[in-house]
Amino acid sequence: MKPTLLKATYSLILFSFAQQTLESMYEGIEFDMTKVKETSFPDFEKKITEYGGVGDGIFKNSEAFKAAIEAVNAKGGGMSIHI
């Protein structure tokens, strides 16, 4: 399967799960099950390029990821860390 088609298929699957409400996931279950709480993240994000990261597929970004994760953690969490 070509990468573009694979990505499109994966996106469609994720989209269909996102449309499902938390309540509908528990319909028809034959036993009492504790409901999962919906996760939320603070509206805070950092890019690893702010910490020396390079998005070229060659540069080792380990330290930049570590620094960005620590910065997001220090703020109490966040949405994303990306290049």
PDB file of N, CA and C in Angstrom:
ATOM      1  N   MET A   1       0.850  -1.167   0.000  1.00  0.00           N
ATOM      2  CA  MET A   1       0.000   0.000   0.000  1.00  0.00           C
ATOM      3  C   MET A   1       0.899   1.235   0.000  1.00  0.00           C
ATOM      4  N   LYS A   2       0.586   2.201  -0.845  1.00  0.00           N
ATOM      5  CA  LYS A   2       1.396   3.408  -0.930  1.00  0.00           C
ATOM      6  C   LYS A   2       1.262   4.219   0.361  1.00  0.00           C
ATOM      7  N   PRO A   3       2.348   4.925   0.765  1.00  0.00           N
ATOM      8  CA  PRO A   3       2.308   5.702   2.008  1.00  0.00           C
ATOM      9  C   PRO A   3       1.161   6.716   2.067  1.00  0.00           C
ATOM     10  N   THR A   4       0.862   7.390   0.959  1.00  0.00           N
ATOM     11  CA  THR A   4      -0.206   8.385   0.952  1.00  0.00           C
ATOM     12  C   THR A   4      -1.560   7.732   1.190  1.00  0.00           C
ATOM     13  N   LEU A   5      -1.801   6.616   0.559  1.00  0.00           N
ATOM     14  CA  LEU A   5      -3.062   5.898   0.736  1.00  0.00           C
ATOM     15  C   LEU A   5      -3.163   5.356   2.162  1.00  0.00           C
ATOM     16  N   LEU A   6      -2.051   4.880   2.685  1.00  0.00           N
ATOM     17  CA  LEU A   6      -2.017   4.374   4.053  1.00  0.00           C
ATOM     18  C   LEU A   6      -2.343   5.481   5.050  1.00  0.00           C
ATOM     19  N   LYS A   7      -1.758   6.663   4.855  1.00  0.00           N
ATOM     20  CA  LYS A   7      -2.029   7.801   5.730  1.00  0.00           C
ATOM     21  C   LYS A   7      -3.499   8.211   5.646  1.00  0.00           C
ATOM     22  N   ALA A   8      -4.052   8.221   4.449  1.00  0.00           N
ATOM     23  CA  ALA A   8      -5.456   8.598   4.260  1.00  0.00           C
ATOM     24  C   ALA A   8      -6.372   7.605   4.953  1.00  0.00           C
ATOM     25  N   THR A   9      -6.071   6.328   4.829  1.00  0.00           N
ATOM     26  CA  THR A   9      -6.877   5.289   5.468  1.00  0.00           C
ATOM     27  C   THR A   9      -6.793   5.411   6.984  1.00  0.00           C
ATOM     28  N   TYR A  10      -5.602   5.612   7.499  1.00  0.00           N
ATOM     29  CA  TYR A  10      -5.396   5.771   8.932  1.00  0.00           C
ATOM     30  C   TYR A  10      -6.161   6.988   9.452  1.00  0.00           C
ATOM     31  N   SER A  11      -6.113   8.096   8.717  1.00  0.00           N
ATOM     32  CA  SER A  11      -6.821   9.317   9.110  1.00  0.00           C
ATOM     33  C   SER A  11      -8.318   9.092   9.145  1.00  0.00           C
ATOM     34  N   LEU A  12      -8.838   8.350   8.179  1.00  0.00           N
ATOM     35  CA  LEU A  12     -10.269   8.061   8.134  1.00  0.00           C
ATOM     36  C   LEU A  12     -10.692   7.216   9.330  1.00  0.00           C
ATOM     37  N   ILE A  13      -9.874   6.252   9.696  1.00  0.00           N
ATOM     38  CA  ILE A  13     -10.175   5.402  10.847  1.00  0.00           C
ATOM     39  C   ILE A  13     -10.187   6.240  12.119  1.00  0.00           C
ATOM     40  N   LEU A  14      -9.175   7.088  12.292  1.00  0.00           N
ATOM     41  CA  LEU A  14      -9.126   7.945  13.470  1.00  0.00           C
ATOM     42  C   LEU A  14     -10.320   8.886  13.523  1.00  0.00           C
ATOM     43  N   PHE A  15     -10.697   9.422  12.361  1.00  0.00           N
ATOM     44  CA  PHE A  15     -11.838  10.333  12.298  1.00  0.00           C
ATOM     45  C   PHE A  15     -13.119   9.630  12.718  1.00  0.00           C
ATOM     46  N   SER A  16     -13.294   8.387  12.292  1.00  0.00           N
ATOM     47  CA  SER A  16     -14.511   7.664  12.643  1.00  0.00           C
ATOM     48  C   SER A  16     -14.569   7.380  14.138  1.00  0.00           C
ATOM     49  N   PHE A  17     -13.420   7.093  14.766  1.00  0.00           N
ATOM     50  CA  PHE A  17     -13.404   6.892  16.212  1.00  0.00           C
ATOM     51  C   PHE A  17     -13.658   8.203  16.947  1.00  0.00           C
ATOM     52  N   ALA A  18     -13.160   9.302  16.411  1.00  0.00           N
ATOM     53  CA  ALA A  18     -13.349  10.603  17.053  1.00  0.00           C
ATOM     54  C   ALA A  18     -14.808  11.011  17.058  1.00  0.00           C
ATOM     55  N   GLN A  19     -15.579  10.543  16.098  1.00  0.00           N
ATOM     56  CA  GLN A  19     -16.992  10.879  16.013  1.00  0.00           C
ATOM     57  C   GLN A  19     -17.826  10.146  17.061  1.00  0.00           C
ATOM     58  N   GLN A  20     -17.280   9.095  17.608  1.00  0.00           N
ATOM     59  CA  GLN A  20     -17.980   8.298  18.594  1.00  0.00           C
ATOM     60  C   GLN A  20     -17.917   9.018  19.951  1.00  0.00           C
ATOM     61  N   THR A  21     -19.053   9.172  20.621  1.00  0.00           N
ATOM     62  CA  THR A  21     -19.045   9.817  21.928  1.00  0.00           C
ATOM     63  C   THR A  21     -18.619   8.810  22.979  1.00  0.00           C
ATOM     64  N   LEU A  22     -18.151   9.322  24.103  1.00  0.00           N
ATOM     65  CA  LEU A  22     -17.754   8.434  25.186  1.00  0.00           C
ATOM     66  C   LEU A  22     -18.940   7.603  25.667  1.00  0.00           C
ATOM     67  N   GLU A  23     -20.122   8.208  25.733  1.00  0.00           N
ATOM     68  CA  GLU A  23     -21.306   7.487  26.200  1.00  0.00           C
ATOM     69  C   GLU A  23     -21.660   6.331  25.268  1.00  0.00           C
ATOM     70  N   SER A  24     -21.562   6.547  23.948  1.00  0.00           N
ATOM     71  CA  SER A  24     -21.951   5.494  23.009  1.00  0.00           C
ATOM     72  C   SER A  24     -21.010   4.289  23.062  1.00  0.00           C
ATOM     73  N   MET A  25     -19.816   4.486  23.576  1.00  0.00           N
ATOM     74  CA  MET A  25     -18.871   3.379  23.670  1.00  0.00           C
ATOM     75  C   MET A  25     -19.322   2.348  24.702  1.00  0.00           C
ATOM     76  N   TYR A  26     -20.188   2.752  25.629  1.00  0.00           N
ATOM     77  CA  TYR A  26     -20.620   1.867  26.707  1.00  0.00           C
ATOM     78  C   TYR A  26     -21.983   1.239  26.446  1.00  0.00           C
ATOM     79  N   GLU A  27     -22.620   1.599  25.329  1.00  0.00           N
ATOM     80  CA  GLU A  27     -23.926   1.028  25.007  1.00  0.00           C
ATOM     81  C   GLU A  27     -23.792  -0.454  24.678  1.00  0.00           C
ATOM     82  N   GLY A  28     -24.663  -1.262  25.250  1.00  0.00           N
ATOM     83  CA  GLY A  28     -24.698  -2.685  24.939  1.00  0.00           C
ATOM     84  C   GLY A  28     -23.713  -3.537  25.718  1.00  0.00           C
ATOM     85  N   ILE A  29     -22.938  -2.940  26.605  1.00  0.00           N
ATOM     86  CA  ILE A  29     -22.014  -3.739  27.417  1.00  0.00           C
ATOM     87  C   ILE A  29     -22.830  -4.505  28.444  1.00  0.00           C
ATOM     88  N   GLU A  30     -22.581  -5.789  28.578  1.00  0.00           N
ATOM     89  CA  GLU A  30     -23.388  -6.668  29.428  1.00  0.00           C
ATOM     90  C   GLU A  30     -22.933  -6.699  30.886  1.00  0.00           C
ATOM     91  N   PHE A  31     -21.974  -5.895  31.259  1.00  0.00           N
ATOM     92  CA  PHE A  31     -21.494  -5.879  32.639  1.00  0.00           C
ATOM     93  C   PHE A  31     -21.253  -4.441  33.066  1.00  0.00           C
ATOM     94  N   ASP A  32     -21.188  -4.213  34.369  1.00  0.00           N
ATOM     95  CA  ASP A  32     -20.952  -2.882  34.904  1.00  0.00           C
ATOM     96  C   ASP A  32     -19.476  -2.548  34.727  1.00  0.00           C
ATOM     97  N   MET A  33     -19.203  -1.469  34.026  1.00  0.00           N
ATOM     98  CA  MET A  33     -17.822  -1.095  33.740  1.00  0.00           C
ATOM     99  C   MET A  33     -17.613   0.365  34.118  1.00  0.00           C
ATOM    100  N   THR A  34     -16.533   0.634  34.839  1.00  0.00           N
ATOM    101  CA  THR A  34     -16.203   2.008  35.191  1.00  0.00           C
ATOM    102  C   THR A  34     -15.905   2.782  33.908  1.00  0.00           C
ATOM    103  N   LYS A  35     -16.506   3.953  33.789  1.00  0.00           N
ATOM    104  CA  LYS A  35     -16.311   4.755  32.581  1.00  0.00           C
ATOM    105  C   LYS A  35     -14.976   5.489  32.628  1.00  0.00           C
ATOM    106  N   VAL A  36     -14.348   5.557  31.482  1.00  0.00           N
ATOM    107  CA  VAL A  36     -13.074   6.240  31.338  1.00  0.00           C
ATOM    108  C   VAL A  36     -13.337   7.736  31.259  1.00  0.00           C
ATOM    109  N   LYS A  37     -12.537   8.510  31.982  1.00  0.00           N
ATOM    110  CA  LYS A  37     -12.672   9.961  31.937  1.00  0.00           C
ATOM    111  C   LYS A  37     -11.975  10.488  30.685  1.00  0.00           C
ATOM    112  N   GLU A  38     -12.584  11.467  30.056  1.00  0.00           N
ATOM    113  CA  GLU A  38     -11.990  12.066  28.856  1.00  0.00           C
ATOM    114  C   GLU A  38     -10.778  12.898  29.263  1.00  0.00           C
ATOM    115  N   THR A  39      -9.685  12.701  28.563  1.00  0.00           N
ATOM    116  CA  THR A  39      -8.448  13.408  28.861  1.00  0.00           C
ATOM    117  C   THR A  39      -8.489  14.810  28.281  1.00  0.00           C
ATOM    118  N   SER A  40      -7.918  15.744  29.007  1.00  0.00           N
ATOM    119  CA  SER A  40      -7.776  17.098  28.474  1.00  0.00           C
ATOM    120  C   SER A  40      -6.370  17.590  28.797  1.00  0.00           C
ATOM    121  N   PHE A  41      -5.849  18.410  27.933  1.00  0.00           N
ATOM    122  CA  PHE A  41      -4.508  18.942  28.096  1.00  0.00           C
ATOM    123  C   PHE A  41      -4.572  20.462  28.084  1.00  0.00           C
ATOM    124  N   PRO A  42      -3.708  21.120  28.854  1.00  0.00           N
ATOM    125  CA  PRO A  42      -3.664  22.582  28.805  1.00  0.00           C
ATOM    126  C   PRO A  42      -3.340  23.067  27.393  1.00  0.00           C
ATOM    127  N   ASP A  43      -3.829  24.232  27.060  1.00  0.00           N
ATOM    128  CA  ASP A  43      -3.582  24.801  25.736  1.00  0.00           C
ATOM    129  C   ASP A  43      -2.192  25.447  25.725  1.00  0.00           C
ATOM    130  N   PHE A  44      -1.177  24.613  25.706  1.00  0.00           N
ATOM    131  CA  PHE A  44       0.211  25.065  25.738  1.00  0.00           C
ATOM    132  C   PHE A  44       1.006  24.130  24.852  1.00  0.00           C
ATOM    133  N   GLU A  45       1.800  24.691  23.962  1.00  0.00           N
ATOM    134  CA  GLU A  45       2.625  23.835  23.109  1.00  0.00           C
ATOM    135  C   GLU A  45       3.995  24.439  22.892  1.00  0.00           C
ATOM    136  N   LYS A  46       4.923  23.576  22.616  1.00  0.00           N
ATOM    137  CA  LYS A  46       6.292  23.968  22.318  1.00  0.00           C
ATOM    138  C   LYS A  46       6.760  23.223  21.078  1.00  0.00           C
ATOM    139  N   LYS A  47       7.610  23.866  20.320  1.00  0.00           N
ATOM    140  CA  LYS A  47       8.230  23.240  19.158  1.00  0.00           C
ATOM    141  C   LYS A  47       9.668  22.892  19.535  1.00  0.00           C
ATOM    142  N   ILE A  48      10.134  21.740  19.070  1.00  0.00           N
ATOM    143  CA  ILE A  48      11.502  21.358  19.428  1.00  0.00           C
ATOM    144  C   ILE A  48      12.537  22.255  18.749  1.00  0.00           C
ATOM    145  N   THR A  49      12.125  22.958  17.706  1.00  0.00           N
ATOM    146  CA  THR A  49      13.059  23.889  17.059  1.00  0.00           C
ATOM    147  C   THR A  49      13.417  25.040  17.997  1.00  0.00           C
ATOM    148  N   GLU A  50      12.558  25.306  18.982  1.00  0.00           N
ATOM    149  CA  GLU A  50      12.859  26.340  19.978  1.00  0.00           C
ATOM    150  C   GLU A  50      13.998  25.901  20.896  1.00  0.00           C
ATOM    151  N   TYR A  51      14.323  24.619  20.854  1.00  0.00           N
ATOM    152  CA  TYR A  51      15.357  24.050  21.714  1.00  0.00           C
ATOM    153  C   TYR A  51      16.487  23.426  20.910  1.00  0.00           C
ATOM    154  N   GLY A  52      16.657  23.878  19.694  1.00  0.00           N
ATOM    155  CA  GLY A  52      17.769  23.418  18.865  1.00  0.00           C
ATOM    156  C   GLY A  52      17.463  22.240  17.965  1.00  0.00           C
ATOM    157  N   GLY A  53      16.225  21.801  17.909  1.00  0.00           N
ATOM    158  CA  GLY A  53      15.852  20.679  17.049  1.00  0.00           C
ATOM    159  C   GLY A  53      15.864  21.062  15.577  1.00  0.00           C
ATOM    160  N   VAL A  54      16.158  20.084  14.746  1.00  0.00           N
ATOM    161  CA  VAL A  54      16.217  20.295  13.298  1.00  0.00           C
ATOM    162  C   VAL A  54      15.349  19.229  12.635  1.00  0.00           C
ATOM    163  N   GLY A  55      14.447  19.644  11.760  1.00  0.00           N
ATOM    164  CA  GLY A  55      13.531  18.704  11.105  1.00  0.00           C
ATOM    165  C   GLY A  55      14.020  18.230   9.757  1.00  0.00           C
ATOM    166  N   ASP A  56      15.224  17.709   9.703  1.00  0.00           N
ATOM    167  CA  ASP A  56      15.755  17.251   8.420  1.00  0.00           C
ATOM    168  C   ASP A  56      15.833  15.728   8.301  1.00  0.00           C
ATOM    169  N   GLY A  57      15.441  15.005   9.337  1.00  0.00           N
ATOM    170  CA  GLY A  57      15.485  13.547   9.298  1.00  0.00           C
ATOM    171  C   GLY A  57      16.863  12.971   9.526  1.00  0.00           C
ATOM    172  N   ILE A  58      17.847  13.823   9.744  1.00  0.00           N
ATOM    173  CA  ILE A  58      19.224  13.363   9.946  1.00  0.00           C
ATOM    174  C   ILE A  58      19.728  13.750  11.334  1.00  0.00           C
ATOM    175  N   PHE A  59      19.460  14.984  11.716  1.00  0.00           N
ATOM    176  CA  PHE A  59      19.940  15.524  12.988  1.00  0.00           C
ATOM    177  C   PHE A  59      19.354  14.755  14.167  1.00  0.00           C
ATOM    178  N   LYS A  60      20.166  14.447  15.149  1.00  0.00           N
ATOM    179  CA  LYS A  60      19.713  13.745  16.352  1.00  0.00           C
ATOM    180  C   LYS A  60      19.058  14.775  17.282  1.00  0.00           C
ATOM    181  N   ASN A  61      17.740  14.676  17.433  1.00  0.00           N
ATOM    182  CA  ASN A  61      16.961  15.657  18.191  1.00  0.00           C
ATOM    183  C   ASN A  61      16.666  15.252  19.634  1.00  0.00           C
ATOM    184  N   SER A  62      17.350  14.269  20.146  1.00  0.00           N
ATOM    185  CA  SER A  62      17.057  13.761  21.490  1.00  0.00           C
ATOM    186  C   SER A  62      17.084  14.847  22.559  1.00  0.00           C
ATOM    187  N   GLU A  63      18.123  15.655  22.570  1.00  0.00           N
ATOM    188  CA  GLU A  63      18.250  16.706  23.591  1.00  0.00           C
ATOM    189  C   GLU A  63      17.184  17.784  23.410  1.00  0.00           C
ATOM    190  N   ALA A  64      16.847  18.105  22.166  1.00  0.00           N
ATOM    191  CA  ALA A  64      15.812  19.100  21.909  1.00  0.00           C
ATOM    192  C   ALA A  64      14.449  18.596  22.377  1.00  0.00           C
ATOM    193  N   PHE A  65      14.149  17.324  22.119  1.00  0.00           N
ATOM    194  CA  PHE A  65      12.898  16.728  22.604  1.00  0.00           C
ATOM    195  C   PHE A  65      12.865  16.747  24.132  1.00  0.00           C
ATOM    196  N   LYS A  66      13.977  16.366  24.744  1.00  0.00           N
ATOM    197  CA  LYS A  66      14.040  16.337  26.204  1.00  0.00           C
ATOM    198  C   LYS A  66      13.767  17.724  26.784  1.00  0.00           C
ATOM    199  N   ALA A  67      14.416  18.742  26.229  1.00  0.00           N
ATOM    200  CA  ALA A  67      14.242  20.114  26.726  1.00  0.00           C
ATOM    201  C   ALA A  67      12.805  20.601  26.515  1.00  0.00           C
ATOM    202  N   ALA A  68      12.217  20.291  25.362  1.00  0.00           N
ATOM    203  CA  ALA A  68      10.836  20.705  25.082  1.00  0.00           C
ATOM    204  C   ALA A  68       9.850  19.994  26.007  1.00  0.00           C
ATOM    205  N   ILE A  69      10.059  18.721  26.242  1.00  0.00           N
ATOM    206  CA  ILE A  69       9.190  17.956  27.146  1.00  0.00           C
ATOM    207  C   ILE A  69       9.298  18.522  28.565  1.00  0.00           C
ATOM    208  N   GLU A  70      10.500  18.838  28.996  1.00  0.00           N
ATOM    209  CA  GLU A  70      10.686  19.419  30.329  1.00  0.00           C
ATOM    210  C   GLU A  70       9.999  20.778  30.441  1.00  0.00           C
ATOM    211  N   ALA A  71      10.045  21.586  29.377  1.00  0.00           N
ATOM    212  CA  ALA A  71       9.388  22.898  29.383  1.00  0.00           C
ATOM    213  C   ALA A  71       7.875  22.748  29.461  1.00  0.00           C
ATOM    214  N   VAL A  72       7.322  21.806  28.709  1.00  0.00           N
ATOM    215  CA  VAL A  72       5.876  21.564  28.746  1.00  0.00           C
ATOM    216  C   VAL A  72       5.483  21.028  30.122  1.00  0.00           C
ATOM    217  N   ASN A  73       6.272  20.128  30.663  1.00  0.00           N
ATOM    218  CA  ASN A  73       6.002  19.567  31.982  1.00  0.00           C
ATOM    219  C   ASN A  73       6.033  20.654  33.060  1.00  0.00           C
ATOM    220  N   ALA A  74       6.974  21.568  32.962  1.00  0.00           N
ATOM    221  CA  ALA A  74       7.096  22.645  33.943  1.00  0.00           C
ATOM    222  C   ALA A  74       5.864  23.549  33.942  1.00  0.00           C
ATOM    223  N   LYS A  75       5.173  23.630  32.825  1.00  0.00           N
ATOM    224  CA  LYS A  75       3.948  24.439  32.719  1.00  0.00           C
ATOM    225  C   LYS A  75       2.704  23.632  33.098  1.00  0.00           C
ATOM    226  N   GLY A  76       2.882  22.382  33.489  1.00  0.00           N
ATOM    227  CA  GLY A  76       1.738  21.563  33.891  1.00  0.00           C
ATOM    228  C   GLY A  76       1.154  20.742  32.774  1.00  0.00           C
ATOM    229  N   GLY A  77       1.877  20.556  31.698  1.00  0.00           N
ATOM    230  CA  GLY A  77       1.402  19.754  30.567  1.00  0.00           C
ATOM    231  C   GLY A  77       1.097  20.631  29.369  1.00  0.00           C
ATOM    232  N   GLY A  78       0.792  19.985  28.265  1.00  0.00           N
ATOM    233  CA  GLY A  78       0.524  20.737  27.057  1.00  0.00           C
ATOM    234  C   GLY A  78      -0.021  19.879  25.951  1.00  0.00           C
ATOM    235  N   MET A  79      -0.260  20.518  24.827  1.00  0.00           N
ATOM    236  CA  MET A  79      -0.922  19.880  23.707  1.00  0.00           C
ATOM    237  C   MET A  79       0.034  19.082  22.827  1.00  0.00           C
ATOM    238  N   SER A  80       1.147  19.690  22.438  1.00  0.00           N
ATOM    239  CA  SER A  80       1.992  18.994  21.465  1.00  0.00           C
ATOM    240  C   SER A  80       3.417  19.510  21.505  1.00  0.00           C
ATOM    241  N   ILE A  81       4.283  18.653  21.040  1.00  0.00           N
ATOM    242  CA  ILE A  81       5.683  19.024  20.847  1.00  0.00           C
ATOM    243  C   ILE A  81       6.028  18.561  19.446  1.00  0.00           C
ATOM    244  N   HIS A  82       6.369  19.475  18.568  1.00  0.00           N
ATOM    245  CA  HIS A  82       6.588  19.106  17.173  1.00  0.00           C
ATOM    246  C   HIS A  82       7.671  19.967  16.545  1.00  0.00           C
ATOM    247  N   ILE A  83       8.099  19.530  15.380  1.00  0.00           N
ATOM    248  CA  ILE A  83       9.111  20.283  14.628  1.00  0.00           C
ATOM    249  C   ILE A  83       8.378  21.260  13.743  1.00  0.00           C
TER     250      ILE A  83
END
